Amino acid sequence: MSAENKAPVPLILPFGDRVPRIDASAFLAPDATIIGDVEIGAASGIWFKCVIRGDVRSIRVGEATNIQDGTIVHVTRQRASTEIGSHVTIGHRAIIHGCVIGDGAFIGMAATIMDHAVIEAGAMVAAGSLVTPGKHVGTGELWGGAPAKYMRDLSEEEKNYMVDGARHYAELGEAYRRQLVDGASTPSSV
């Protein structure tokens, strides 16, 4: 890309001596904001209008995780960092606050996960749900509602959908990253 056509870049800010550490293969939307003690793993995607603010505690995002449009990830001062595993899908406009989300988990659109909640690997939280502080969502479980409660175990089809969704978003993020950074055209098959 020429200097005149240079793609806009996300807002990446230190906070004090804490500087975000982001793998070069991650996709960061041009209007994403990443602040402070944040680590983002390989092939992860931080989508449009996301804010990841590790100002008073740390935030860790694993590999091939997608944090979709409008999501806010934050921490709780003196109490709770945020840990998000690998191959996680977090839907649009979610709020992730001072919690732990295990590998391969799925957080639905506009869900809120509060302080000290644990979403185990392969668990699903339904769209619009509120997981209250300290709740524990087990592997392979679907929780929903406000406040969220156990609904049922996930089907094999749902588990496969979660794996496929994370893979798809990693591929889509790579296509966006290549287009924005390298000026490559986006393949029609993504």
N, C-alpha and C. Protein backbone atom coordinates (compact mmCIF):
# COMPACT_ATOMS: atom_id res chain seq x y z
N MET A 1 0.83 -1.18 0.00
CA MET A 1 0.00 0.00 0.00
C MET A 1 0.87 1.24 0.00
N SER A 2 0.49 2.22 -0.77
CA SER A 2 1.24 3.47 -0.78
C SER A 2 0.94 4.27 0.48
N ALA A 3 1.78 5.26 0.75
CA ALA A 3 1.59 6.10 1.95
C ALA A 3 0.25 6.80 1.92
N GLU A 4 -0.23 7.20 0.72
CA GLU A 4 -1.52 7.88 0.63
C GLU A 4 -2.68 6.96 0.97
N ASN A 5 -2.51 5.66 0.71
CA ASN A 5 -3.59 4.69 0.94
C ASN A 5 -3.37 3.86 2.19
N LYS A 6 -2.50 4.31 3.05
CA LYS A 6 -2.19 3.53 4.26
C LYS A 6 -3.44 3.33 5.10
N ALA A 7 -3.64 2.09 5.52
CA ALA A 7 -4.81 1.74 6.31
C ALA A 7 -4.74 2.39 7.69
N PRO A 8 -5.88 2.79 8.24
CA PRO A 8 -5.87 3.32 9.60
C PRO A 8 -5.46 2.23 10.58
N VAL A 9 -4.93 2.64 11.70
CA VAL A 9 -4.45 1.67 12.70
C VAL A 9 -5.26 1.79 13.98
N PRO A 10 -5.34 0.71 14.75
CA PRO A 10 -6.06 0.77 16.02
C PRO A 10 -5.33 1.66 17.02
N LEU A 11 -6.05 2.06 18.06
CA LEU A 11 -5.47 2.85 19.13
C LEU A 11 -4.87 1.89 20.15
N ILE A 12 -3.56 1.89 20.25
CA ILE A 12 -2.84 1.02 21.18
C ILE A 12 -2.07 1.94 22.12
N LEU A 13 -2.45 1.91 23.40
CA LEU A 13 -1.88 2.85 24.36
C LEU A 13 -1.24 2.13 25.55
N PRO A 14 -0.11 2.63 26.02
CA PRO A 14 0.40 2.14 27.31
C PRO A 14 -0.44 2.75 28.42
N PHE A 15 -0.37 2.15 29.58
CA PHE A 15 -0.91 2.77 30.79
C PHE A 15 0.18 2.65 31.83
N GLY A 16 0.76 3.79 32.21
CA GLY A 16 1.95 3.75 33.06
C GLY A 16 3.04 3.00 32.32
N ASP A 17 3.63 2.00 32.98
CA ASP A 17 4.67 1.21 32.33
C ASP A 17 4.12 -0.06 31.67
N ARG A 18 2.81 -0.21 31.63
CA ARG A 18 2.18 -1.39 31.03
C ARG A 18 1.89 -1.11 29.55
N VAL A 19 2.47 -1.94 28.68
CA VAL A 19 2.34 -1.76 27.23
C VAL A 19 1.71 -3.02 26.63
N PRO A 20 0.69 -2.88 25.78
CA PRO A 20 0.10 -4.07 25.15
C PRO A 20 1.14 -4.86 24.35
N ARG A 21 1.02 -6.19 24.41
CA ARG A 21 1.86 -7.10 23.65
C ARG A 21 0.94 -7.92 22.75
N ILE A 22 1.09 -7.70 21.45
CA ILE A 22 0.14 -8.24 20.48
C ILE A 22 0.92 -9.02 19.42
N ASP A 23 0.55 -10.28 19.22
CA ASP A 23 1.21 -11.09 18.20
C ASP A 23 0.99 -10.45 16.83
N ALA A 24 2.02 -10.47 15.99
CA ALA A 24 1.96 -9.83 14.68
C ALA A 24 0.90 -10.44 13.76
N SER A 25 0.49 -11.67 14.02
CA SER A 25 -0.51 -12.32 13.17
C SER A 25 -1.94 -12.02 13.59
N ALA A 26 -2.13 -11.30 14.68
CA ALA A 26 -3.48 -10.96 15.14
C ALA A 26 -4.10 -9.90 14.24
N PHE A 27 -5.42 -9.97 14.07
CA PHE A 27 -6.14 -8.92 13.36
C PHE A 27 -6.69 -7.94 14.38
N LEU A 28 -6.36 -6.66 14.19
CA LEU A 28 -6.89 -5.59 15.02
C LEU A 28 -7.64 -4.63 14.11
N ALA A 29 -8.94 -4.50 14.31
CA ALA A 29 -9.71 -3.57 13.49
C ALA A 29 -9.18 -2.15 13.68
N PRO A 30 -9.29 -1.33 12.65
CA PRO A 30 -8.73 0.03 12.73
C PRO A 30 -9.31 0.88 13.85
N ASP A 31 -10.51 0.58 14.32
CA ASP A 31 -11.11 1.39 15.39
C ASP A 31 -11.16 0.66 16.73
N ALA A 32 -10.38 -0.42 16.86
CA ALA A 32 -10.25 -1.11 18.15
C ALA A 32 -9.35 -0.27 19.06
N THR A 33 -9.56 -0.40 20.38
CA THR A 33 -8.73 0.30 21.37
C THR A 33 -8.19 -0.74 22.34
N ILE A 34 -6.87 -0.74 22.51
CA ILE A 34 -6.20 -1.70 23.39
C ILE A 34 -5.26 -0.92 24.29
N ILE A 35 -5.46 -1.07 25.60
CA ILE A 35 -4.76 -0.23 26.57
C ILE A 35 -4.12 -1.07 27.67
N GLY A 36 -2.86 -0.79 27.97
CA GLY A 36 -2.22 -1.30 29.18
C GLY A 36 -1.71 -2.72 29.11
N ASP A 37 -1.88 -3.44 30.21
CA ASP A 37 -1.33 -4.78 30.41
C ASP A 37 -2.21 -5.81 29.70
N VAL A 38 -2.06 -5.87 28.38
CA VAL A 38 -2.86 -6.75 27.54
C VAL A 38 -1.93 -7.59 26.69
N GLU A 39 -2.20 -8.90 26.62
CA GLU A 39 -1.50 -9.79 25.69
C GLU A 39 -2.54 -10.41 24.78
N ILE A 40 -2.26 -10.40 23.47
CA ILE A 40 -3.16 -10.99 22.48
C ILE A 40 -2.36 -11.99 21.67
N GLY A 41 -2.85 -13.24 21.62
CA GLY A 41 -2.14 -14.33 20.99
C GLY A 41 -2.28 -14.39 19.48
N ALA A 42 -1.52 -15.29 18.90
CA ALA A 42 -1.46 -15.47 17.45
C ALA A 42 -2.84 -15.76 16.86
N ALA A 43 -3.09 -15.17 15.70
CA ALA A 43 -4.29 -15.41 14.88
C ALA A 43 -5.59 -15.01 15.56
N SER A 44 -5.51 -14.25 16.64
CA SER A 44 -6.73 -13.76 17.28
C SER A 44 -7.24 -12.54 16.54
N GLY A 45 -8.53 -12.24 16.71
CA GLY A 45 -9.14 -11.09 16.06
C GLY A 45 -9.83 -10.20 17.06
N ILE A 46 -9.48 -8.94 17.02
CA ILE A 46 -10.13 -7.92 17.86
C ILE A 46 -10.88 -7.03 16.87
N TRP A 47 -12.19 -7.15 16.86
CA TRP A 47 -13.01 -6.60 15.78
C TRP A 47 -13.40 -5.15 16.05
N PHE A 48 -14.20 -4.62 15.16
CA PHE A 48 -14.51 -3.19 15.12
C PHE A 48 -15.17 -2.69 16.41
N LYS A 49 -14.69 -1.54 16.87
CA LYS A 49 -15.20 -0.83 18.06
C LYS A 49 -15.02 -1.59 19.37
N CYS A 50 -14.12 -2.55 19.42
CA CYS A 50 -13.82 -3.24 20.68
C CYS A 50 -12.91 -2.37 21.54
N VAL A 51 -13.09 -2.47 22.85
CA VAL A 51 -12.20 -1.83 23.81
C VAL A 51 -11.68 -2.92 24.74
N ILE A 52 -10.36 -3.04 24.82
CA ILE A 52 -9.71 -3.98 25.74
C ILE A 52 -8.81 -3.15 26.63
N ARG A 53 -9.26 -2.96 27.89
CA ARG A 53 -8.61 -1.99 28.77
C ARG A 53 -8.01 -2.69 29.99
N GLY A 54 -6.70 -2.94 29.90
CA GLY A 54 -5.95 -3.55 31.00
C GLY A 54 -5.18 -2.49 31.77
N ASP A 55 -5.90 -1.57 32.35
CA ASP A 55 -5.23 -0.46 33.03
C ASP A 55 -4.85 -0.78 34.47
N VAL A 56 -5.73 -1.41 35.23
CA VAL A 56 -5.44 -1.65 36.64
C VAL A 56 -5.19 -3.13 36.97
N ARG A 57 -5.39 -4.01 36.03
CA ARG A 57 -5.06 -5.44 36.13
C ARG A 57 -4.76 -5.93 34.72
N SER A 58 -4.36 -7.19 34.58
CA SER A 58 -3.97 -7.74 33.28
C SER A 58 -5.15 -8.37 32.53
N ILE A 59 -5.00 -8.40 31.20
CA ILE A 59 -5.93 -9.10 30.32
C ILE A 59 -5.08 -9.99 29.41
N ARG A 60 -5.44 -11.27 29.33
CA ARG A 60 -4.73 -12.22 28.48
C ARG A 60 -5.75 -12.83 27.52
N VAL A 61 -5.40 -12.82 26.23
CA VAL A 61 -6.23 -13.41 25.18
C VAL A 61 -5.38 -14.44 24.47
N GLY A 62 -5.87 -15.67 24.38
CA GLY A 62 -5.12 -16.75 23.77
C GLY A 62 -5.05 -16.67 22.26
N GLU A 63 -4.76 -17.79 21.63
CA GLU A 63 -4.60 -17.87 20.18
C GLU A 63 -5.94 -18.16 19.50
N ALA A 64 -6.09 -17.60 18.29
CA ALA A 64 -7.25 -17.85 17.42
C ALA A 64 -8.58 -17.58 18.13
N THR A 65 -8.58 -16.59 18.99
CA THR A 65 -9.80 -16.15 19.69
C THR A 65 -10.35 -14.94 18.96
N ASN A 66 -11.67 -14.86 18.87
CA ASN A 66 -12.26 -13.69 18.23
C ASN A 66 -13.15 -12.95 19.20
N ILE A 67 -12.89 -11.67 19.31
CA ILE A 67 -13.66 -10.77 20.18
C ILE A 67 -14.36 -9.81 19.23
N GLN A 68 -15.66 -10.02 19.09
CA GLN A 68 -16.40 -9.37 18.01
C GLN A 68 -16.84 -7.95 18.33
N ASP A 69 -17.34 -7.30 17.30
CA ASP A 69 -17.65 -5.88 17.26
C ASP A 69 -18.34 -5.36 18.51
N GLY A 70 -17.82 -4.24 19.04
CA GLY A 70 -18.45 -3.54 20.15
C GLY A 70 -18.27 -4.15 21.52
N THR A 71 -17.46 -5.18 21.63
CA THR A 71 -17.25 -5.84 22.92
C THR A 71 -16.31 -5.01 23.79
N ILE A 72 -16.57 -5.03 25.09
CA ILE A 72 -15.70 -4.37 26.08
C ILE A 72 -15.11 -5.45 26.98
N VAL A 73 -13.79 -5.42 27.13
CA VAL A 73 -13.10 -6.33 28.04
C VAL A 73 -12.37 -5.46 29.05
N HIS A 74 -12.64 -5.69 30.34
CA HIS A 74 -12.01 -4.89 31.39
C HIS A 74 -11.70 -5.79 32.58
N VAL A 75 -11.25 -5.19 33.65
CA VAL A 75 -10.76 -5.88 34.84
C VAL A 75 -11.34 -5.20 36.08
N THR A 76 -11.06 -5.75 37.25
CA THR A 76 -11.52 -5.13 38.49
C THR A 76 -10.31 -4.79 39.35
N ARG A 77 -10.18 -3.54 39.68
CA ARG A 77 -9.05 -3.05 40.46
C ARG A 77 -8.88 -3.87 41.74
N GLN A 78 -7.66 -4.31 41.98
CA GLN A 78 -7.25 -5.04 43.18
C GLN A 78 -8.00 -6.35 43.38
N ARG A 79 -8.78 -6.80 42.38
CA ARG A 79 -9.54 -8.02 42.59
C ARG A 79 -9.47 -9.05 41.47
N ALA A 80 -9.61 -8.62 40.21
CA ALA A 80 -9.77 -9.63 39.17
C ALA A 80 -9.18 -9.19 37.84
N SER A 81 -8.25 -10.00 37.34
CA SER A 81 -7.77 -9.86 35.97
C SER A 81 -8.77 -10.58 35.06
N THR A 82 -8.55 -10.49 33.76
CA THR A 82 -9.38 -11.21 32.80
C THR A 82 -8.50 -12.14 31.98
N GLU A 83 -8.90 -13.41 31.91
CA GLU A 83 -8.19 -14.41 31.12
C GLU A 83 -9.17 -15.02 30.13
N ILE A 84 -8.82 -14.93 28.85
CA ILE A 84 -9.63 -15.49 27.78
C ILE A 84 -8.74 -16.50 27.05
N GLY A 85 -9.19 -17.74 26.97
CA GLY A 85 -8.38 -18.80 26.39
C GLY A 85 -8.24 -18.71 24.88
N SER A 86 -7.82 -19.81 24.28
CA SER A 86 -7.65 -19.92 22.84
C SER A 86 -8.91 -20.49 22.19
N HIS A 87 -9.14 -20.12 20.94
CA HIS A 87 -10.27 -20.61 20.14
C HIS A 87 -11.61 -20.26 20.76
N VAL A 88 -11.67 -19.12 21.41
CA VAL A 88 -12.89 -18.62 22.04
C VAL A 88 -13.61 -17.70 21.06
N THR A 89 -14.94 -17.77 21.03
CA THR A 89 -15.75 -16.82 20.28
C THR A 89 -16.53 -15.97 21.27
N ILE A 90 -16.39 -14.66 21.16
CA ILE A 90 -17.14 -13.71 21.98
C ILE A 90 -17.96 -12.85 21.03
N GLY A 91 -19.29 -12.96 21.12
CA GLY A 91 -20.19 -12.30 20.19
C GLY A 91 -20.23 -10.79 20.37
N HIS A 92 -20.86 -10.15 19.40
CA HIS A 92 -20.97 -8.69 19.34
C HIS A 92 -21.54 -8.10 20.64
N ARG A 93 -20.98 -6.97 21.06
CA ARG A 93 -21.44 -6.16 22.19
C ARG A 93 -21.44 -6.88 23.54
N ALA A 94 -20.61 -7.88 23.69
CA ALA A 94 -20.50 -8.54 25.00
C ALA A 94 -19.70 -7.65 25.96
N ILE A 95 -19.91 -7.88 27.25
CA ILE A 95 -19.10 -7.25 28.29
C ILE A 95 -18.42 -8.37 29.07
N ILE A 96 -17.10 -8.32 29.08
CA ILE A 96 -16.28 -9.35 29.73
C ILE A 96 -15.51 -8.63 30.82
N HIS A 97 -15.77 -8.96 32.09
CA HIS A 97 -15.25 -8.13 33.18
C HIS A 97 -14.66 -8.98 34.31
N GLY A 98 -13.34 -8.99 34.41
CA GLY A 98 -12.67 -9.62 35.55
C GLY A 98 -13.01 -11.09 35.73
N CYS A 99 -12.97 -11.87 34.65
CA CYS A 99 -13.41 -13.26 34.69
C CYS A 99 -12.43 -14.16 33.95
N VAL A 100 -12.74 -15.45 33.93
CA VAL A 100 -11.94 -16.43 33.21
C VAL A 100 -12.84 -17.15 32.21
N ILE A 101 -12.39 -17.19 30.96
CA ILE A 101 -13.11 -17.89 29.90
C ILE A 101 -12.15 -18.92 29.32
N GLY A 102 -12.52 -20.20 29.40
CA GLY A 102 -11.65 -21.29 28.98
C GLY A 102 -11.60 -21.48 27.47
N ASP A 103 -10.64 -22.29 27.04
CA ASP A 103 -10.44 -22.59 25.62
C ASP A 103 -11.73 -23.09 24.98
N GLY A 104 -11.99 -22.61 23.76
CA GLY A 104 -13.11 -23.12 22.98
C GLY A 104 -14.48 -22.73 23.47
N ALA A 105 -14.57 -21.83 24.44
CA ALA A 105 -15.88 -21.39 24.94
C ALA A 105 -16.54 -20.46 23.94
N PHE A 106 -17.84 -20.27 24.10
CA PHE A 106 -18.64 -19.42 23.22
C PHE A 106 -19.48 -18.50 24.08
N ILE A 107 -19.31 -17.20 23.89
CA ILE A 107 -20.08 -16.20 24.63
C ILE A 107 -20.98 -15.50 23.62
N GLY A 108 -22.29 -15.59 23.79
CA GLY A 108 -23.24 -15.05 22.83
C GLY A 108 -23.26 -13.53 22.81
N MET A 109 -23.88 -13.01 21.76
CA MET A 109 -23.98 -11.56 21.58
C MET A 109 -24.64 -10.90 22.78
N ALA A 110 -24.10 -9.77 23.18
CA ALA A 110 -24.64 -8.92 24.26
C ALA A 110 -24.69 -9.62 25.62
N ALA A 111 -23.93 -10.70 25.77
CA ALA A 111 -23.84 -11.35 27.08
C ALA A 111 -22.90 -10.54 27.97
N THR A 112 -23.10 -10.64 29.28
CA THR A 112 -22.23 -9.99 30.27
C THR A 112 -21.70 -11.07 31.20
N ILE A 113 -20.38 -11.11 31.34
CA ILE A 113 -19.71 -12.05 32.24
C ILE A 113 -19.02 -11.21 33.30
N MET A 114 -19.41 -11.38 34.55
CA MET A 114 -18.95 -10.51 35.64
C MET A 114 -17.77 -11.09 36.42
N ASP A 115 -17.31 -10.31 37.38
CA ASP A 115 -16.12 -10.59 38.18
C ASP A 115 -16.11 -11.99 38.78
N HIS A 116 -14.97 -12.63 38.64
CA HIS A 116 -14.68 -13.94 39.23
C HIS A 116 -15.55 -15.05 38.69
N ALA A 117 -16.34 -14.80 37.65
CA ALA A 117 -17.05 -15.89 36.99
C ALA A 117 -16.04 -16.72 36.22
N VAL A 118 -16.33 -18.02 36.09
CA VAL A 118 -15.49 -18.93 35.32
C VAL A 118 -16.37 -19.61 34.29
N ILE A 119 -15.99 -19.46 33.03
CA ILE A 119 -16.64 -20.16 31.94
C ILE A 119 -15.63 -21.20 31.47
N GLU A 120 -15.92 -22.46 31.75
CA GLU A 120 -14.94 -23.52 31.46
C GLU A 120 -14.81 -23.75 29.96
N ALA A 121 -13.74 -24.47 29.60
CA ALA A 121 -13.48 -24.82 28.20
C ALA A 121 -14.71 -25.50 27.60
N GLY A 122 -15.06 -25.08 26.38
CA GLY A 122 -16.16 -25.71 25.67
C GLY A 122 -17.54 -25.41 26.19
N ALA A 123 -17.69 -24.42 27.04
CA ALA A 123 -19.01 -24.03 27.56
C ALA A 123 -19.60 -22.94 26.68
N MET A 124 -20.93 -22.76 26.76
CA MET A 124 -21.61 -21.73 25.98
C MET A 124 -22.51 -20.90 26.88
N VAL A 125 -22.43 -19.58 26.70
CA VAL A 125 -23.33 -18.64 27.38
C VAL A 125 -24.20 -18.03 26.30
N ALA A 126 -25.52 -18.12 26.46
CA ALA A 126 -26.46 -17.66 25.45
C ALA A 126 -26.44 -16.14 25.30
N ALA A 127 -26.85 -15.68 24.13
CA ALA A 127 -26.93 -14.25 23.84
C ALA A 127 -27.79 -13.55 24.88
N GLY A 128 -27.34 -12.36 25.28
CA GLY A 128 -28.11 -11.53 26.21
C GLY A 128 -28.08 -11.97 27.66
N SER A 129 -27.31 -12.98 27.98
CA SER A 129 -27.27 -13.51 29.35
C SER A 129 -26.41 -12.65 30.27
N LEU A 130 -26.68 -12.75 31.56
CA LEU A 130 -25.88 -12.10 32.59
C LEU A 130 -25.35 -13.18 33.52
N VAL A 131 -24.04 -13.45 33.42
CA VAL A 131 -23.39 -14.40 34.33
C VAL A 131 -22.89 -13.57 35.50
N THR A 132 -23.52 -13.75 36.64
CA THR A 132 -23.25 -12.93 37.82
C THR A 132 -21.91 -13.29 38.47
N PRO A 133 -21.40 -12.41 39.33
CA PRO A 133 -20.09 -12.63 39.94
C PRO A 133 -19.96 -13.99 40.62
N GLY A 134 -18.84 -14.65 40.33
CA GLY A 134 -18.51 -15.90 40.98
C GLY A 134 -19.18 -17.14 40.43
N LYS A 135 -20.07 -17.03 39.45
CA LYS A 135 -20.73 -18.21 38.87
C LYS A 135 -19.71 -19.06 38.14
N HIS A 136 -20.02 -20.35 38.04
CA HIS A 136 -19.13 -21.31 37.39
C HIS A 136 -19.94 -22.08 36.35
N VAL A 137 -19.60 -21.87 35.07
CA VAL A 137 -20.27 -22.54 33.97
C VAL A 137 -19.38 -23.70 33.52
N GLY A 138 -19.89 -24.92 33.63
CA GLY A 138 -19.09 -26.11 33.39
C GLY A 138 -18.87 -26.44 31.92
N THR A 139 -17.84 -27.23 31.66
CA THR A 139 -17.52 -27.69 30.31
C THR A 139 -18.74 -28.36 29.68
N GLY A 140 -19.03 -27.97 28.44
CA GLY A 140 -20.12 -28.60 27.70
C GLY A 140 -21.51 -28.17 28.13
N GLU A 141 -21.63 -27.14 28.97
CA GLU A 141 -22.93 -26.68 29.45
C GLU A 141 -23.37 -25.44 28.69
N LEU A 142 -24.69 -25.29 28.56
CA LEU A 142 -25.30 -24.07 28.04
C LEU A 142 -25.99 -23.38 29.20
N TRP A 143 -25.62 -22.10 29.41
CA TRP A 143 -26.26 -21.26 30.42
C TRP A 143 -26.92 -20.09 29.72
N GLY A 144 -28.06 -19.65 30.23
CA GLY A 144 -28.74 -18.51 29.65
C GLY A 144 -29.62 -17.82 30.66
N GLY A 145 -30.03 -16.61 30.31
CA GLY A 145 -30.94 -15.83 31.15
C GLY A 145 -30.21 -14.73 31.90
N ALA A 146 -31.01 -13.97 32.65
CA ALA A 146 -30.47 -12.87 33.45
C ALA A 146 -31.18 -12.86 34.80
N PRO A 147 -30.60 -13.42 35.82
CA PRO A 147 -29.25 -13.98 35.85
C PRO A 147 -29.20 -15.34 35.14
N ALA A 148 -28.02 -15.66 34.60
CA ALA A 148 -27.84 -16.91 33.85
C ALA A 148 -27.93 -18.11 34.78
N LYS A 149 -28.57 -19.14 34.26
CA LYS A 149 -28.71 -20.42 34.96
C LYS A 149 -28.41 -21.55 33.97
N TYR A 150 -28.07 -22.70 34.53
CA TYR A 150 -27.84 -23.89 33.71
C TYR A 150 -29.13 -24.21 32.95
N MET A 151 -29.01 -24.42 31.63
CA MET A 151 -30.17 -24.78 30.82
C MET A 151 -30.12 -26.26 30.44
N ARG A 152 -28.97 -26.69 29.92
CA ARG A 152 -28.82 -28.08 29.48
C ARG A 152 -27.39 -28.31 29.03
N ASP A 153 -27.07 -29.56 28.74
CA ASP A 153 -25.78 -29.87 28.13
C ASP A 153 -25.84 -29.57 26.64
N LEU A 154 -24.71 -29.20 26.07
CA LEU A 154 -24.63 -28.91 24.64
C LEU A 154 -24.69 -30.19 23.82
N SER A 155 -25.31 -30.11 22.65
CA SER A 155 -25.33 -31.22 21.72
C SER A 155 -24.00 -31.30 20.98
N GLU A 156 -23.74 -32.43 20.35
CA GLU A 156 -22.52 -32.57 19.55
C GLU A 156 -22.54 -31.57 18.40
N GLU A 157 -23.70 -31.31 17.82
CA GLU A 157 -23.82 -30.34 16.74
C GLU A 157 -23.43 -28.94 17.22
N GLU A 158 -23.85 -28.55 18.41
CA GLU A 158 -23.49 -27.24 18.96
C GLU A 158 -22.00 -27.16 19.26
N LYS A 159 -21.43 -28.23 19.78
CA LYS A 159 -19.99 -28.25 20.05
C LYS A 159 -19.21 -28.09 18.75
N ASN A 160 -19.64 -28.78 17.70
CA ASN A 160 -18.98 -28.66 16.40
C ASN A 160 -19.13 -27.26 15.83
N TYR A 161 -20.29 -26.64 16.02
CA TYR A 161 -20.54 -25.28 15.56
C TYR A 161 -19.57 -24.31 16.23
N MET A 162 -19.32 -24.50 17.51
CA MET A 162 -18.41 -23.62 18.25
C MET A 162 -16.99 -23.73 17.70
N VAL A 163 -16.54 -24.94 17.42
CA VAL A 163 -15.20 -25.15 16.86
C VAL A 163 -15.11 -24.51 15.48
N ASP A 164 -16.13 -24.75 14.64
CA ASP A 164 -16.15 -24.20 13.28
C ASP A 164 -16.20 -22.67 13.30
N GLY A 165 -16.99 -22.10 14.22
CA GLY A 165 -17.10 -20.65 14.31
C GLY A 165 -15.78 -19.99 14.66
N ALA A 166 -15.06 -20.57 15.60
CA ALA A 166 -13.75 -20.01 15.98
C ALA A 166 -12.77 -20.11 14.81
N ARG A 167 -12.79 -21.25 14.11
CA ARG A 167 -11.91 -21.42 12.95
C ARG A 167 -12.26 -20.40 11.87
N HIS A 168 -13.55 -20.24 11.58
CA HIS A 168 -13.99 -19.29 10.56
C HIS A 168 -13.54 -17.87 10.89
N TYR A 169 -13.71 -17.45 12.14
CA TYR A 169 -13.32 -16.08 12.51
C TYR A 169 -11.81 -15.88 12.46
N ALA A 170 -11.03 -16.92 12.75
CA ALA A 170 -9.57 -16.81 12.61
C ALA A 170 -9.21 -16.60 11.14
N GLU A 171 -9.86 -17.33 10.24
CA GLU A 171 -9.61 -17.18 8.80
C GLU A 171 -10.07 -15.81 8.31
N LEU A 172 -11.24 -15.37 8.76
CA LEU A 172 -11.76 -14.08 8.36
C LEU A 172 -10.86 -12.94 8.86
N GLY A 173 -10.41 -13.06 10.10
CA GLY A 173 -9.50 -12.07 10.65
C GLY A 173 -8.20 -11.99 9.86
N GLU A 174 -7.68 -13.14 9.44
CA GLU A 174 -6.46 -13.15 8.63
C GLU A 174 -6.70 -12.46 7.29
N ALA A 175 -7.86 -12.69 6.68
CA ALA A 175 -8.18 -12.03 5.41
C ALA A 175 -8.24 -10.51 5.60
N TYR A 176 -8.87 -10.06 6.67
CA TYR A 176 -8.93 -8.62 6.96
C TYR A 176 -7.52 -8.06 7.23
N ARG A 177 -6.74 -8.79 8.02
CA ARG A 177 -5.40 -8.32 8.36
C ARG A 177 -4.56 -8.16 7.09
N ARG A 178 -4.62 -9.17 6.21
CA ARG A 178 -3.86 -9.09 4.97
C ARG A 178 -4.33 -7.93 4.09
N GLN A 179 -5.63 -7.71 4.04
CA GLN A 179 -6.15 -6.63 3.23
C GLN A 179 -5.72 -5.27 3.78
N LEU A 180 -5.82 -5.09 5.10
CA LEU A 180 -5.48 -3.81 5.70
C LEU A 180 -3.99 -3.55 5.75
N VAL A 181 -3.22 -4.58 6.07
CA VAL A 181 -1.78 -4.40 6.25
C VAL A 181 -1.03 -4.53 4.93
N ASP A 182 -1.38 -5.56 4.17
CA ASP A 182 -0.61 -5.86 2.96
C ASP A 182 -1.27 -5.36 1.67
N GLY A 183 -2.53 -4.92 1.79
CA GLY A 183 -3.24 -4.47 0.59
C GLY A 183 -3.75 -5.60 -0.27
N ALA A 184 -3.76 -6.83 0.26
CA ALA A 184 -4.25 -7.98 -0.50
C ALA A 184 -5.76 -7.90 -0.66
N SER A 185 -6.27 -8.48 -1.73
CA SER A 185 -7.71 -8.53 -1.91
C SER A 185 -8.29 -9.61 -1.02
N THR A 186 -9.54 -9.44 -0.61
CA THR A 186 -10.20 -10.41 0.25
C THR A 186 -10.77 -11.52 -0.60
N PRO A 187 -10.45 -12.79 -0.29
CA PRO A 187 -11.01 -13.89 -1.07
C PRO A 187 -12.52 -13.98 -0.89
N SER A 188 -13.22 -14.34 -1.95
CA SER A 188 -14.68 -14.41 -1.88
C SER A 188 -15.17 -15.63 -1.09
N SER A 189 -14.30 -16.59 -0.82
CA SER A 189 -14.71 -17.82 -0.14
C SER A 189 -14.70 -17.73 1.38
N VAL A 190 -14.26 -16.61 1.93
CA VAL A 190 -14.18 -16.50 3.39
C VAL A 190 -15.55 -16.32 3.98
